[in-house]
Amino acid sequence: MQKDESQISRQARWQRKHRAMGLCVLCSRPAYKGWRCKKHYEQHKITMRLRYIPKVRGRYKVGGTSTASEFTAKRSTTKTRATAAKKTTAKKAAAKTTARVRKTTTTKKVAARKTTARKTTTRRTTAKKAAKA
């Protein structure tokens, strides 16, 4: 249920008239999909993609044509920050894993030394006892 023509603004009247004629509501070109021409349809698609970025990764790539360079520039700065943060966390994780590997290898070496030392001492003592007896 729409308002009467006298109750709406002149812009809304103009848009209704253009919709009825099959023209773009932003300019006077023929409508492509819905109420917009090809140019304004693509523009709207990009602005909505940037406004509502999905939380699920890999849903779709955020980018656009040269007409939306100002929007992609904003997005690219946040991307570079995010990738820099990911790189630093990856470096920290790699450092932790190498430290763990070093610790385990050194503890294995020490344990191996201790077991060999015990074996040699037990052999010597048994050899000495056999010699004494």
N, C-alpha and C. Protein backbone atom coordinates (compact mmCIF):
# COMPACT_ATOMS: atom_id res chain seq x y z
N MET A 1 0.84 -1.17 0.00
CA MET A 1 0.00 0.00 0.00
C MET A 1 0.89 1.24 0.00
N GLN A 2 0.88 1.97 -1.12
CA GLN A 2 1.73 3.13 -1.27
C GLN A 2 1.00 4.41 -0.86
N LYS A 3 1.80 5.40 -0.51
CA LYS A 3 1.22 6.71 -0.17
C LYS A 3 0.72 7.40 -1.43
N ASP A 4 -0.12 8.37 -1.22
CA ASP A 4 -0.66 9.16 -2.33
C ASP A 4 0.46 10.04 -2.91
N GLU A 5 0.36 10.40 -4.19
CA GLU A 5 1.37 11.20 -4.87
C GLU A 5 1.63 12.55 -4.17
N SER A 6 0.59 13.12 -3.55
CA SER A 6 0.76 14.42 -2.90
C SER A 6 1.50 14.31 -1.57
N GLN A 7 1.57 13.11 -1.01
CA GLN A 7 2.20 12.94 0.31
C GLN A 7 3.69 12.57 0.23
N ILE A 8 4.21 12.32 -0.97
CA ILE A 8 5.62 11.91 -1.08
C ILE A 8 6.45 13.02 -1.72
N SER A 9 7.76 12.91 -1.59
CA SER A 9 8.65 13.94 -2.12
C SER A 9 8.74 13.87 -3.64
N ARG A 10 9.28 14.91 -4.23
CA ARG A 10 9.39 14.93 -5.69
C ARG A 10 10.41 13.89 -6.16
N GLN A 11 11.44 13.59 -5.35
CA GLN A 11 12.41 12.57 -5.72
C GLN A 11 11.75 11.20 -5.80
N ALA A 12 10.90 10.90 -4.80
CA ALA A 12 10.19 9.61 -4.80
C ALA A 12 9.24 9.51 -5.98
N ARG A 13 8.60 10.62 -6.33
CA ARG A 13 7.71 10.63 -7.50
C ARG A 13 8.50 10.35 -8.78
N TRP A 14 9.68 10.99 -8.88
CA TRP A 14 10.54 10.81 -10.05
C TRP A 14 10.98 9.35 -10.16
N GLN A 15 11.36 8.75 -9.01
CA GLN A 15 11.79 7.35 -9.01
C GLN A 15 10.66 6.42 -9.41
N ARG A 16 9.46 6.66 -8.91
CA ARG A 16 8.30 5.83 -9.27
C ARG A 16 8.01 5.91 -10.76
N LYS A 17 8.12 7.13 -11.30
CA LYS A 17 7.86 7.33 -12.73
C LYS A 17 8.88 6.56 -13.56
N HIS A 18 10.15 6.62 -13.15
CA HIS A 18 11.21 5.92 -13.87
C HIS A 18 11.04 4.41 -13.77
N ARG A 19 10.67 3.91 -12.60
CA ARG A 19 10.42 2.47 -12.44
C ARG A 19 9.31 2.01 -13.37
N ALA A 20 8.26 2.79 -13.46
CA ALA A 20 7.13 2.45 -14.32
C ALA A 20 7.54 2.44 -15.80
N MET A 21 8.47 3.34 -16.17
CA MET A 21 8.93 3.39 -17.56
C MET A 21 10.04 2.37 -17.86
N GLY A 22 10.57 1.71 -16.81
CA GLY A 22 11.65 0.74 -17.02
C GLY A 22 13.01 1.38 -17.13
N LEU A 23 13.18 2.53 -16.46
CA LEU A 23 14.48 3.23 -16.46
C LEU A 23 15.14 3.12 -15.10
N CYS A 24 16.43 3.46 -15.09
CA CYS A 24 17.20 3.45 -13.84
C CYS A 24 16.66 4.54 -12.92
N VAL A 25 16.59 4.25 -11.61
CA VAL A 25 16.07 5.24 -10.65
C VAL A 25 17.12 6.28 -10.27
N LEU A 26 18.37 6.06 -10.67
CA LEU A 26 19.43 7.02 -10.36
C LEU A 26 19.79 7.90 -11.55
N CYS A 27 19.65 7.34 -12.75
CA CYS A 27 19.88 8.12 -13.96
C CYS A 27 18.76 7.77 -14.94
N SER A 28 18.87 8.15 -16.17
CA SER A 28 17.77 7.91 -17.12
C SER A 28 18.07 6.80 -18.12
N ARG A 29 19.06 5.97 -17.85
CA ARG A 29 19.37 4.85 -18.74
C ARG A 29 18.36 3.72 -18.54
N PRO A 30 18.28 2.79 -19.50
CA PRO A 30 17.39 1.64 -19.32
C PRO A 30 17.82 0.76 -18.15
N ALA A 31 16.85 0.23 -17.44
CA ALA A 31 17.16 -0.61 -16.27
C ALA A 31 17.74 -1.94 -16.71
N TYR A 32 18.74 -2.42 -15.96
CA TYR A 32 19.41 -3.69 -16.28
C TYR A 32 18.80 -4.82 -15.46
N LYS A 33 18.92 -4.73 -14.15
CA LYS A 33 18.29 -5.69 -13.24
C LYS A 33 17.60 -4.87 -12.16
N GLY A 34 16.34 -5.14 -11.95
CA GLY A 34 15.60 -4.39 -10.94
C GLY A 34 15.37 -2.96 -11.37
N TRP A 35 15.88 -2.01 -10.57
CA TRP A 35 15.61 -0.59 -10.83
C TRP A 35 16.83 0.19 -11.25
N ARG A 36 17.95 -0.50 -11.50
CA ARG A 36 19.19 0.22 -11.82
C ARG A 36 19.74 -0.18 -13.19
N CYS A 37 20.51 0.74 -13.79
CA CYS A 37 21.22 0.43 -15.03
C CYS A 37 22.44 -0.42 -14.70
N LYS A 38 23.18 -0.86 -15.73
CA LYS A 38 24.34 -1.72 -15.48
C LYS A 38 25.37 -1.03 -14.58
N LYS A 39 25.66 0.23 -14.87
CA LYS A 39 26.67 0.96 -14.11
C LYS A 39 26.28 1.06 -12.63
N HIS A 40 25.06 1.49 -12.36
CA HIS A 40 24.62 1.67 -10.97
C HIS A 40 24.38 0.33 -10.28
N TYR A 41 24.03 -0.71 -11.04
CA TYR A 41 23.85 -2.04 -10.47
C TYR A 41 25.18 -2.56 -9.93
N GLU A 42 26.25 -2.43 -10.75
CA GLU A 42 27.58 -2.88 -10.32
C GLU A 42 28.07 -2.06 -9.13
N GLN A 43 27.83 -0.76 -9.18
CA GLN A 43 28.24 0.12 -8.08
C GLN A 43 27.56 -0.28 -6.78
N HIS A 44 26.29 -0.54 -6.83
CA HIS A 44 25.52 -0.92 -5.66
C HIS A 44 25.99 -2.26 -5.12
N LYS A 45 26.28 -3.19 -6.02
CA LYS A 45 26.76 -4.51 -5.63
C LYS A 45 28.06 -4.40 -4.84
N ILE A 46 28.97 -3.56 -5.31
CA ILE A 46 30.26 -3.38 -4.65
C ILE A 46 30.10 -2.71 -3.30
N THR A 47 29.27 -1.67 -3.23
CA THR A 47 29.09 -0.98 -1.95
C THR A 47 28.47 -1.90 -0.91
N MET A 48 27.52 -2.73 -1.32
CA MET A 48 26.89 -3.65 -0.37
C MET A 48 27.86 -4.75 0.06
N ARG A 49 28.71 -5.19 -0.88
CA ARG A 49 29.71 -6.20 -0.55
C ARG A 49 30.69 -5.67 0.48
N LEU A 50 31.05 -4.41 0.35
CA LEU A 50 31.98 -3.81 1.30
C LEU A 50 31.31 -3.46 2.62
N ARG A 51 30.04 -3.14 2.58
CA ARG A 51 29.32 -2.78 3.80
C ARG A 51 29.08 -4.00 4.68
N TYR A 52 28.68 -5.09 4.04
CA TYR A 52 28.36 -6.30 4.79
C TYR A 52 29.35 -7.40 4.44
N ILE A 53 30.55 -7.31 4.98
CA ILE A 53 31.58 -8.31 4.72
C ILE A 53 31.21 -9.57 5.50
N PRO A 54 31.18 -10.72 4.85
CA PRO A 54 30.76 -11.95 5.53
C PRO A 54 31.75 -12.40 6.58
N LYS A 55 31.26 -13.04 7.63
CA LYS A 55 32.11 -13.55 8.70
C LYS A 55 32.74 -14.88 8.29
N VAL A 56 32.09 -15.59 7.37
CA VAL A 56 32.59 -16.89 6.93
C VAL A 56 33.69 -16.64 5.90
N ARG A 57 34.84 -17.29 6.08
CA ARG A 57 35.94 -17.08 5.15
C ARG A 57 35.66 -17.76 3.82
N GLY A 58 36.12 -17.14 2.77
CA GLY A 58 36.01 -17.73 1.45
C GLY A 58 34.64 -17.65 0.83
N ARG A 59 33.76 -16.85 1.38
CA ARG A 59 32.41 -16.75 0.81
C ARG A 59 32.50 -16.13 -0.58
N TYR A 60 33.11 -14.98 -0.68
CA TYR A 60 33.42 -14.38 -1.97
C TYR A 60 34.54 -13.38 -1.78
N LYS A 61 35.23 -13.10 -2.86
CA LYS A 61 36.37 -12.19 -2.78
C LYS A 61 35.87 -10.76 -2.81
N VAL A 62 36.43 -9.94 -1.93
CA VAL A 62 36.05 -8.54 -1.89
C VAL A 62 36.95 -7.79 -2.85
N GLY A 63 36.37 -7.18 -3.82
CA GLY A 63 37.11 -6.42 -4.83
C GLY A 63 36.11 -5.84 -5.79
N GLY A 64 36.58 -5.13 -6.75
CA GLY A 64 35.63 -4.55 -7.70
C GLY A 64 36.33 -4.00 -8.91
N THR A 65 35.60 -3.22 -9.67
CA THR A 65 36.13 -2.62 -10.88
C THR A 65 36.78 -1.30 -10.54
N SER A 66 37.25 -0.63 -11.56
CA SER A 66 37.94 0.64 -11.34
C SER A 66 37.00 1.73 -10.83
N THR A 67 35.69 1.57 -10.98
CA THR A 67 34.76 2.59 -10.52
C THR A 67 34.69 2.64 -8.99
N ALA A 68 35.06 1.53 -8.35
CA ALA A 68 34.99 1.47 -6.89
C ALA A 68 36.37 1.48 -6.27
N SER A 69 37.29 2.23 -6.85
CA SER A 69 38.66 2.24 -6.35
C SER A 69 38.75 2.80 -4.93
N GLU A 70 37.89 3.75 -4.59
CA GLU A 70 37.93 4.30 -3.24
C GLU A 70 37.52 3.27 -2.20
N PHE A 71 36.58 2.40 -2.54
CA PHE A 71 36.14 1.38 -1.60
C PHE A 71 37.18 0.28 -1.47
N THR A 72 37.79 -0.11 -2.58
CA THR A 72 38.79 -1.17 -2.53
C THR A 72 40.05 -0.69 -1.84
N ALA A 73 40.35 0.60 -1.92
CA ALA A 73 41.51 1.13 -1.23
C ALA A 73 41.34 1.01 0.28
N LYS A 74 40.15 1.29 0.78
CA LYS A 74 39.88 1.14 2.21
C LYS A 74 40.04 -0.31 2.63
N ARG A 75 39.52 -1.21 1.81
CA ARG A 75 39.56 -2.63 2.11
C ARG A 75 41.00 -3.16 2.07
N SER A 76 41.81 -2.67 1.11
CA SER A 76 43.17 -3.19 0.96
C SER A 76 44.04 -2.82 2.14
N THR A 77 43.83 -1.64 2.75
CA THR A 77 44.62 -1.27 3.92
C THR A 77 44.33 -2.19 5.09
N THR A 78 43.07 -2.57 5.26
CA THR A 78 42.75 -3.50 6.35
C THR A 78 43.28 -4.88 6.04
N LYS A 79 43.32 -5.26 4.76
CA LYS A 79 43.87 -6.56 4.38
C LYS A 79 45.35 -6.63 4.71
N THR A 80 46.10 -5.56 4.38
CA THR A 80 47.53 -5.58 4.63
C THR A 80 47.82 -5.65 6.12
N ARG A 81 47.03 -4.98 6.92
CA ARG A 81 47.21 -5.06 8.37
C ARG A 81 46.95 -6.47 8.87
N ALA A 82 45.91 -7.08 8.33
CA ALA A 82 45.56 -8.43 8.75
C ALA A 82 46.63 -9.42 8.33
N THR A 83 47.17 -9.29 7.13
CA THR A 83 48.20 -10.22 6.68
C THR A 83 49.48 -10.02 7.47
N ALA A 84 49.81 -8.78 7.83
CA ALA A 84 51.00 -8.53 8.65
C ALA A 84 50.84 -9.17 10.02
N ALA A 85 49.65 -9.07 10.59
CA ALA A 85 49.41 -9.68 11.89
C ALA A 85 49.50 -11.20 11.80
N LYS A 86 48.98 -11.78 10.71
CA LYS A 86 49.07 -13.23 10.52
C LYS A 86 50.52 -13.68 10.40
N LYS A 87 51.34 -12.91 9.68
CA LYS A 87 52.74 -13.27 9.51
C LYS A 87 53.47 -13.27 10.84
N THR A 88 53.21 -12.26 11.67
CA THR A 88 53.89 -12.21 12.96
C THR A 88 53.46 -13.36 13.86
N THR A 89 52.20 -13.71 13.85
CA THR A 89 51.74 -14.84 14.66
C THR A 89 52.31 -16.14 14.14
N ALA A 90 52.45 -16.25 12.81
CA ALA A 90 53.03 -17.47 12.23
C ALA A 90 54.49 -17.59 12.62
N LYS A 91 55.22 -16.47 12.64
CA LYS A 91 56.63 -16.50 13.04
C LYS A 91 56.76 -16.92 14.50
N LYS A 92 55.88 -16.38 15.35
CA LYS A 92 55.92 -16.75 16.77
C LYS A 92 55.64 -18.23 16.97
N ALA A 93 54.66 -18.74 16.24
CA ALA A 93 54.31 -20.16 16.35
C ALA A 93 55.46 -21.03 15.88
N ALA A 94 56.14 -20.62 14.80
CA ALA A 94 57.27 -21.38 14.29
C ALA A 94 58.42 -21.38 15.29
N ALA A 95 58.63 -20.23 15.93
CA ALA A 95 59.69 -20.14 16.94
C ALA A 95 59.38 -21.06 18.12
N LYS A 96 58.12 -21.12 18.53
CA LYS A 96 57.74 -21.99 19.64
C LYS A 96 57.97 -23.46 19.29
N THR A 97 57.59 -23.86 18.08
CA THR A 97 57.76 -25.26 17.69
C THR A 97 59.22 -25.64 17.59
N THR A 98 60.07 -24.72 17.08
CA THR A 98 61.50 -25.04 17.01
C THR A 98 62.09 -25.13 18.40
N ALA A 99 61.61 -24.27 19.32
CA ALA A 99 62.10 -24.34 20.70
C ALA A 99 61.70 -25.67 21.34
N ARG A 100 60.48 -26.13 21.06
CA ARG A 100 60.03 -27.42 21.59
C ARG A 100 60.88 -28.56 21.06
N VAL A 101 61.17 -28.51 19.76
CA VAL A 101 61.98 -29.56 19.14
C VAL A 101 63.37 -29.57 19.75
N ARG A 102 63.96 -28.41 19.95
CA ARG A 102 65.29 -28.32 20.56
C ARG A 102 65.28 -28.90 21.96
N LYS A 103 64.25 -28.55 22.75
CA LYS A 103 64.17 -29.05 24.12
C LYS A 103 64.06 -30.57 24.14
N THR A 104 63.22 -31.13 23.28
CA THR A 104 63.02 -32.57 23.27
C THR A 104 64.27 -33.29 22.81
N THR A 105 64.99 -32.73 21.83
CA THR A 105 66.21 -33.39 21.36
C THR A 105 67.29 -33.33 22.42
N THR A 106 67.40 -32.20 23.12
CA THR A 106 68.42 -32.12 24.17
C THR A 106 68.09 -33.03 25.33
N THR A 107 66.82 -33.13 25.70
CA THR A 107 66.45 -34.01 26.80
C THR A 107 66.67 -35.47 26.42
N LYS A 108 66.44 -35.82 25.16
CA LYS A 108 66.70 -37.18 24.71
C LYS A 108 68.18 -37.49 24.78
N LYS A 109 69.02 -36.54 24.37
CA LYS A 109 70.47 -36.74 24.40
C LYS A 109 70.95 -36.93 25.84
N VAL A 110 70.45 -36.10 26.75
CA VAL A 110 70.84 -36.20 28.15
C VAL A 110 70.40 -37.53 28.72
N ALA A 111 69.19 -37.94 28.42
CA ALA A 111 68.69 -39.21 28.91
C ALA A 111 69.52 -40.36 28.35
N ALA A 112 69.91 -40.28 27.11
CA ALA A 112 70.73 -41.32 26.50
C ALA A 112 72.09 -41.38 27.17
N ARG A 113 72.67 -40.23 27.49
CA ARG A 113 73.96 -40.19 28.17
C ARG A 113 73.87 -40.85 29.54
N LYS A 114 72.79 -40.53 30.26
CA LYS A 114 72.62 -41.08 31.60
C LYS A 114 72.49 -42.60 31.55
N THR A 115 71.72 -43.10 30.60
CA THR A 115 71.53 -44.55 30.53
C THR A 115 72.81 -45.25 30.14
N THR A 116 73.59 -44.65 29.25
CA THR A 116 74.87 -45.28 28.89
C THR A 116 75.83 -45.24 30.06
N ALA A 117 75.82 -44.14 30.82
CA ALA A 117 76.69 -44.04 31.99
C ALA A 117 76.32 -45.09 33.02
N ARG A 118 75.05 -45.31 33.25
CA ARG A 118 74.60 -46.31 34.21
C ARG A 118 75.01 -47.71 33.77
N LYS A 119 74.85 -47.96 32.49
CA LYS A 119 75.21 -49.28 31.98
C LYS A 119 76.69 -49.55 32.19
N THR A 120 77.53 -48.55 31.90
CA THR A 120 78.97 -48.76 32.04
C THR A 120 79.35 -48.94 33.49
N THR A 121 78.71 -48.20 34.39
CA THR A 121 79.07 -48.35 35.81
C THR A 121 78.62 -49.71 36.32
N THR A 122 77.47 -50.16 35.88
CA THR A 122 77.02 -51.48 36.35
C THR A 122 77.92 -52.57 35.80
N ARG A 123 78.39 -52.43 34.60
CA ARG A 123 79.30 -53.42 34.03
C ARG A 123 80.61 -53.46 34.79
N ARG A 124 81.12 -52.28 35.12
CA ARG A 124 82.40 -52.21 35.84
C ARG A 124 82.29 -52.85 37.21
N THR A 125 81.15 -52.52 37.86
CA THR A 125 81.02 -53.09 39.21
C THR A 125 80.87 -54.59 39.16
N THR A 126 80.15 -55.11 38.20
CA THR A 126 80.00 -56.57 38.10
C THR A 126 81.32 -57.20 37.69
N ALA A 127 82.09 -56.51 36.85
CA ALA A 127 83.38 -57.03 36.44
C ALA A 127 84.35 -57.05 37.63
N LYS A 128 84.31 -56.00 38.44
CA LYS A 128 85.17 -55.92 39.63
C LYS A 128 84.79 -57.00 40.64
N LYS A 129 83.48 -57.18 40.83
CA LYS A 129 83.02 -58.20 41.78
C LYS A 129 83.44 -59.60 41.31
N ALA A 130 83.39 -59.85 40.06
CA ALA A 130 83.76 -61.14 39.52
C ALA A 130 85.28 -61.34 39.67
N ALA A 131 86.03 -60.26 39.51
CA ALA A 131 87.49 -60.35 39.66
C ALA A 131 87.86 -60.59 41.11
N LYS A 132 87.14 -59.97 42.03
CA LYS A 132 87.42 -60.12 43.47
C LYS A 132 87.06 -61.55 43.93
N ALA A 133 86.05 -62.11 43.39
CA ALA A 133 85.59 -63.42 43.86
C ALA A 133 86.35 -64.56 43.30
